Amino acid sequence: MKNRLALFNTEDAVCISVHQNRYTDPVYHGAQMFFHRENAEGAQLAECLRARICSLLQPDNQRETKPMDDELYLLCNCKNPAVMAECGFISNPEEAAMLEQEPYQRQMAFALMCGMNDFCYNTGRLNT
């Protein structure tokens, strides 16, 4: 974990830690982005990722980005914009089946990349 954090804290890094969510009730579904509440750029990145996932892959997703306190080590200690991307619920049978399919994984990766590009463009991290 410390090695990953050292990588995340390199100059001008944008950090997206990709995960799958799980809950006791299988009804829950959809991607959700988490960021540290004191990381304003992390909040912007989370919103860019959420917006792209909703527009490209999950138009019915109503989940909002969620600020976290100090309970997530990477988000709490990262100096750069950082987001934990929960790409779906493995506890939801339909979503778990989609998450196992390579075409869906590629679509999710593409949506995350588009969201990251939006963030970089909006914050001047891309040279145009």
Protein backbone atom coordinates (compact mmCIF):
# COMPACT_ATOMS: atom_id res chain seq x y z
CA MET A 1 0.00 0.00 0.00
CA LYS A 2 2.85 2.40 0.80
CA ASN A 3 4.47 1.71 -2.59
CA ARG A 4 1.20 2.50 -4.34
CA LEU A 5 0.87 5.72 -2.35
CA ALA A 6 4.43 6.73 -3.29
CA LEU A 7 3.49 6.26 -6.95
CA PHE A 8 0.26 8.25 -6.47
CA ASN A 9 2.22 11.11 -4.91
CA THR A 10 4.52 11.61 -7.90
CA GLU A 11 4.38 14.99 -9.59
CA ASP A 12 1.18 15.73 -11.55
CA ALA A 13 -0.32 12.27 -11.01
CA VAL A 14 -4.06 11.67 -11.28
CA CYS A 15 -5.01 8.68 -9.15
CA ILE A 16 -7.90 6.30 -9.80
CA SER A 17 -8.03 3.17 -7.66
CA VAL A 18 -10.47 0.73 -9.32
CA HIS A 19 -12.60 -1.58 -7.16
CA GLN A 20 -15.89 -3.48 -7.10
CA ASN A 21 -18.48 -2.82 -4.42
CA ARG A 22 -20.40 -5.32 -2.28
CA TYR A 23 -23.40 -5.02 0.01
CA THR A 24 -25.61 -7.43 1.93
CA ASP A 25 -28.70 -6.54 -0.13
CA PRO A 26 -28.32 -7.61 -3.78
CA VAL A 27 -30.69 -4.88 -5.02
CA TYR A 28 -27.96 -2.21 -5.04
CA HIS A 29 -26.17 -1.53 -8.32
CA GLY A 30 -24.19 1.08 -10.21
CA ALA A 31 -20.78 2.68 -10.09
CA GLN A 32 -19.94 5.17 -7.36
CA MET A 33 -16.92 7.42 -6.87
CA PHE A 34 -15.32 8.22 -3.51
CA PHE A 35 -12.84 11.01 -2.72
CA HIS A 36 -11.28 12.53 0.40
CA ARG A 37 -13.39 15.44 1.60
CA GLU A 38 -10.35 17.74 1.85
CA ASN A 39 -9.18 17.04 -1.71
CA ALA A 40 -11.06 19.54 -3.91
CA GLU A 41 -9.47 18.23 -7.11
CA GLY A 42 -10.37 14.70 -6.03
CA ALA A 43 -14.00 15.86 -5.85
CA GLN A 44 -13.74 17.31 -9.37
CA LEU A 45 -12.16 14.11 -10.67
CA ALA A 46 -14.87 12.00 -9.02
CA GLU A 47 -17.59 14.08 -10.67
CA CYS A 48 -15.95 13.85 -14.11
CA LEU A 49 -15.70 10.06 -13.77
CA ARG A 50 -19.31 9.77 -12.56
CA ALA A 51 -20.61 11.93 -15.38
CA ARG A 52 -18.85 9.89 -18.07
CA ILE A 53 -19.92 6.54 -16.64
CA CYS A 54 -23.52 7.79 -16.53
CA SER A 55 -23.45 9.21 -20.06
CA LEU A 56 -21.61 6.32 -21.71
CA LEU A 57 -22.51 3.22 -19.73
CA GLN A 58 -25.04 3.58 -16.90
CA PRO A 59 -27.65 6.21 -17.83
CA ASP A 60 -29.95 5.12 -14.99
CA ASN A 61 -27.23 5.47 -12.33
CA GLN A 62 -28.39 7.96 -9.69
CA ARG A 63 -25.44 7.50 -7.31
CA GLU A 64 -23.68 10.69 -6.27
CA THR A 65 -19.98 11.06 -5.59
CA LYS A 66 -19.26 10.54 -1.92
CA PRO A 67 -16.74 12.36 0.27
CA MET A 68 -14.81 10.24 2.75
CA ASP A 69 -12.97 11.15 5.92
CA ASP A 70 -9.78 9.34 6.90
CA GLU A 71 -11.06 5.76 6.61
CA LEU A 72 -9.44 5.08 3.22
CA TYR A 73 -5.63 5.14 3.46
CA LEU A 74 -4.87 6.00 -0.16
CA LEU A 75 -7.42 8.79 -0.42
CA CYS A 76 -6.47 10.23 2.96
CA ASN A 77 -2.73 10.35 2.23
CA CYS A 78 -2.62 11.19 -1.47
CA LYS A 79 -1.40 14.70 -2.30
CA ASN A 80 -2.79 14.57 -5.85
CA PRO A 81 -6.37 14.24 -7.11
CA ALA A 82 -7.45 10.75 -6.04
CA VAL A 83 -10.63 8.72 -6.41
CA MET A 84 -11.69 5.24 -5.41
CA ALA A 85 -13.86 4.08 -8.31
CA GLU A 86 -16.34 1.40 -7.29
CA CYS A 87 -17.37 0.19 -10.75
CA GLY A 88 -20.35 -1.87 -9.67
CA PHE A 89 -21.75 -4.27 -7.09
CA ILE A 90 -20.56 -7.86 -7.23
CA SER A 91 -23.36 -8.62 -4.74
CA ASN A 92 -25.92 -7.80 -7.48
CA PRO A 93 -26.16 -10.91 -9.72
CA GLU A 94 -26.96 -9.01 -12.93
CA GLU A 95 -24.21 -6.46 -12.42
CA ALA A 96 -21.72 -9.11 -11.32
CA ALA A 97 -22.35 -10.98 -14.58
CA MET A 98 -21.68 -7.80 -16.59
CA LEU A 99 -18.54 -7.00 -14.59
CA GLU A 100 -17.13 -10.42 -15.54
CA GLN A 101 -17.52 -9.77 -19.28
CA GLU A 102 -14.48 -8.34 -21.08
CA PRO A 103 -16.52 -6.08 -23.41
CA TYR A 104 -18.16 -4.44 -20.38
CA GLN A 105 -14.79 -4.12 -18.64
CA ARG A 106 -13.43 -2.36 -21.72
CA GLN A 107 -16.43 -0.02 -21.80
CA MET A 108 -15.94 0.81 -18.12
CA ALA A 109 -12.23 1.44 -18.67
CA PHE A 110 -13.07 3.69 -21.62
CA ALA A 111 -15.60 5.67 -19.55
CA LEU A 112 -13.02 6.10 -16.76
CA MET A 113 -10.42 7.25 -19.29
CA CYS A 114 -12.86 9.76 -20.80
CA GLY A 115 -13.69 11.09 -17.34
CA MET A 116 -10.00 11.43 -16.51
CA ASN A 117 -9.41 13.25 -19.81
CA ASP A 118 -12.32 15.61 -19.03
CA PHE A 119 -10.79 16.34 -15.63
CA CYS A 120 -7.33 16.95 -17.10
CA TYR A 121 -8.76 19.26 -19.75
CA ASN A 122 -10.93 21.18 -17.26
CA THR A 123 -8.03 21.70 -14.85
CA GLY A 124 -5.45 22.63 -17.47
CA ARG A 125 -3.43 19.44 -17.08
CA LEU A 126 -3.63 18.79 -20.84
CA ASN A 127 -1.77 20.91 -23.34
CA THR A 128 -4.08 21.81 -26.23
